[in-house]
C-alpha atoms as a PDB file:
ATOM      1  CA  MET A   1     -90.816  41.486 -96.320  1.00  0.00           C
ATOM      2  CA  ASN A   2     -89.049  38.376 -95.149  1.00  0.00           C
ATOM      3  CA  ASN A   3     -91.645  35.912 -93.827  1.00  0.00           C
ATOM      4  CA  THR A   4     -89.165  34.065 -91.610  1.00  0.00           C
ATOM      5  CA  GLN A   5     -88.203  37.173 -89.638  1.00  0.00           C
ATOM      6  CA  VAL A   6     -91.663  38.592 -88.914  1.00  0.00           C
ATOM      7  CA  THR A   7     -93.681  36.904 -86.191  1.00  0.00           C
ATOM      8  CA  PHE A   8     -97.434  36.517 -86.262  1.00  0.00           C
ATOM      9  CA  CYS A   9     -97.875  39.242 -83.621  1.00  0.00           C
ATOM     10  CA  GLU A  10     -95.495  41.595 -85.424  1.00  0.00           C
ATOM     11  CA  LEU A  11     -97.455  41.124 -88.631  1.00  0.00           C
ATOM     12  CA  LEU A  12    -100.716  41.980 -86.853  1.00  0.00           C
ATOM     13  CA  SER A  13     -99.080  45.061 -85.388  1.00  0.00           C
ATOM     14  CA  LEU A  14     -97.833  46.144 -88.837  1.00  0.00           C
ATOM     15  CA  ILE A  15    -101.313  45.656 -90.288  1.00  0.00           C
ATOM     16  CA  ASN A  16    -102.918  47.760 -87.565  1.00  0.00           C
ATOM     17  CA  SER A  17    -100.307  50.509 -87.863  1.00  0.00           C
ATOM     18  CA  LEU A  18    -100.635  50.671 -91.634  1.00  0.00           C
ATOM     19  CA  ARG A  19    -104.430  50.670 -91.383  1.00  0.00           C
ATOM     20  CA  HIS A  20    -104.205  53.695 -89.088  1.00  0.00           C
ATOM     21  CA  LEU A  21    -101.815  55.456 -91.489  1.00  0.00           C
ATOM     22  CA  MET A  22    -104.148  54.751 -94.413  1.00  0.00           C
ATOM     23  CA  ILE A  23    -107.151  56.174 -92.569  1.00  0.00           C
ATOM     24  CA  THR A  24    -105.193  59.270 -91.593  1.00  0.00           C
ATOM     25  CA  ALA A  25    -103.924  59.744 -95.159  1.00  0.00           C
ATOM     26  CA  GLY A  26    -107.460  59.376 -96.487  1.00  0.00           C
ATOM     27  CA  GLN A  27    -108.783  61.995 -94.082  1.00  0.00           C
ATOM     28  CA  GLN A  28    -105.975  64.449 -94.783  1.00  0.00           C
ATOM     29  CA  HIS A  29    -105.340  63.951 -98.501  1.00  0.00           C
ATOM     30  CA  GLY A  30    -108.467  62.252 -99.851  1.00  0.00           C
ATOM     31  CA  LEU A  31    -109.242  58.664-100.702  1.00  0.00           C
ATOM     32  CA  ASN A  32    -107.730  58.888-104.190  1.00  0.00           C
ATOM     33  CA  SER A  33    -104.422  60.445-103.145  1.00  0.00           C
ATOM     34  CA  LEU A  34    -101.221  58.621-104.006  1.00  0.00           C
ATOM     35  CA  GLU A  35    -100.314  58.334-100.324  1.00  0.00           C
ATOM     36  CA  THR A  36    -103.659  56.738 -99.425  1.00  0.00           C
ATOM     37  CA  LEU A  37    -103.503  54.353-102.372  1.00  0.00           C
ATOM     38  CA  ARG A  38     -99.918  53.366-101.539  1.00  0.00           C
ATOM     39  CA  CYS A  39    -100.944  52.550 -97.968  1.00  0.00           C
ATOM     40  CA  SER A  40    -103.909  50.573 -99.265  1.00  0.00           C
ATOM     41  CA  GLU A  41    -101.724  48.495-101.581  1.00  0.00           C
ATOM     42  CA  GLU A  42     -99.198  47.785 -98.831  1.00  0.00           C
ATOM     43  CA  LEU A  43    -102.020  46.860 -96.468  1.00  0.00           C
ATOM     44  CA  ASP A  44    -103.438  44.458 -99.057  1.00  0.00           C
ATOM     45  CA  GLU A  45    -100.038  42.745 -99.299  1.00  0.00           C
ATOM     46  CA  LEU A  46     -99.724  42.387 -95.525  1.00  0.00           C
ATOM     47  CA  ILE A  47    -103.261  41.025 -95.181  1.00  0.00           C
ATOM     48  CA  LEU A  48    -102.579  38.509 -97.931  1.00  0.00           C
ATOM     49  CA  GLU A  49     -99.389  37.441 -96.187  1.00  0.00           C
ATOM     50  CA  PHE A  50    -101.335  37.101 -92.917  1.00  0.00           C
ATOM     51  CA  GLN A  51    -104.012  34.963 -94.592  1.00  0.00           C
ATOM     52  CA  ASN A  52    -101.406  32.688 -96.190  1.00  0.00           C
ATOM     53  CA  ARG A  53     -99.734  31.792 -92.874  1.00  0.00           C
END
């Protein structure tokens, strides 16, 4: 993700959307499913980017 093109508010929106997708994936496929883990890893990256701003 290009840091210069994503605003602070857009980043928060992405984090919230991905968090919702991760929760849904966990409920539907289980916490150890590849889809849930992929969402979790992407969410970790976005949160780290948010914290580093």
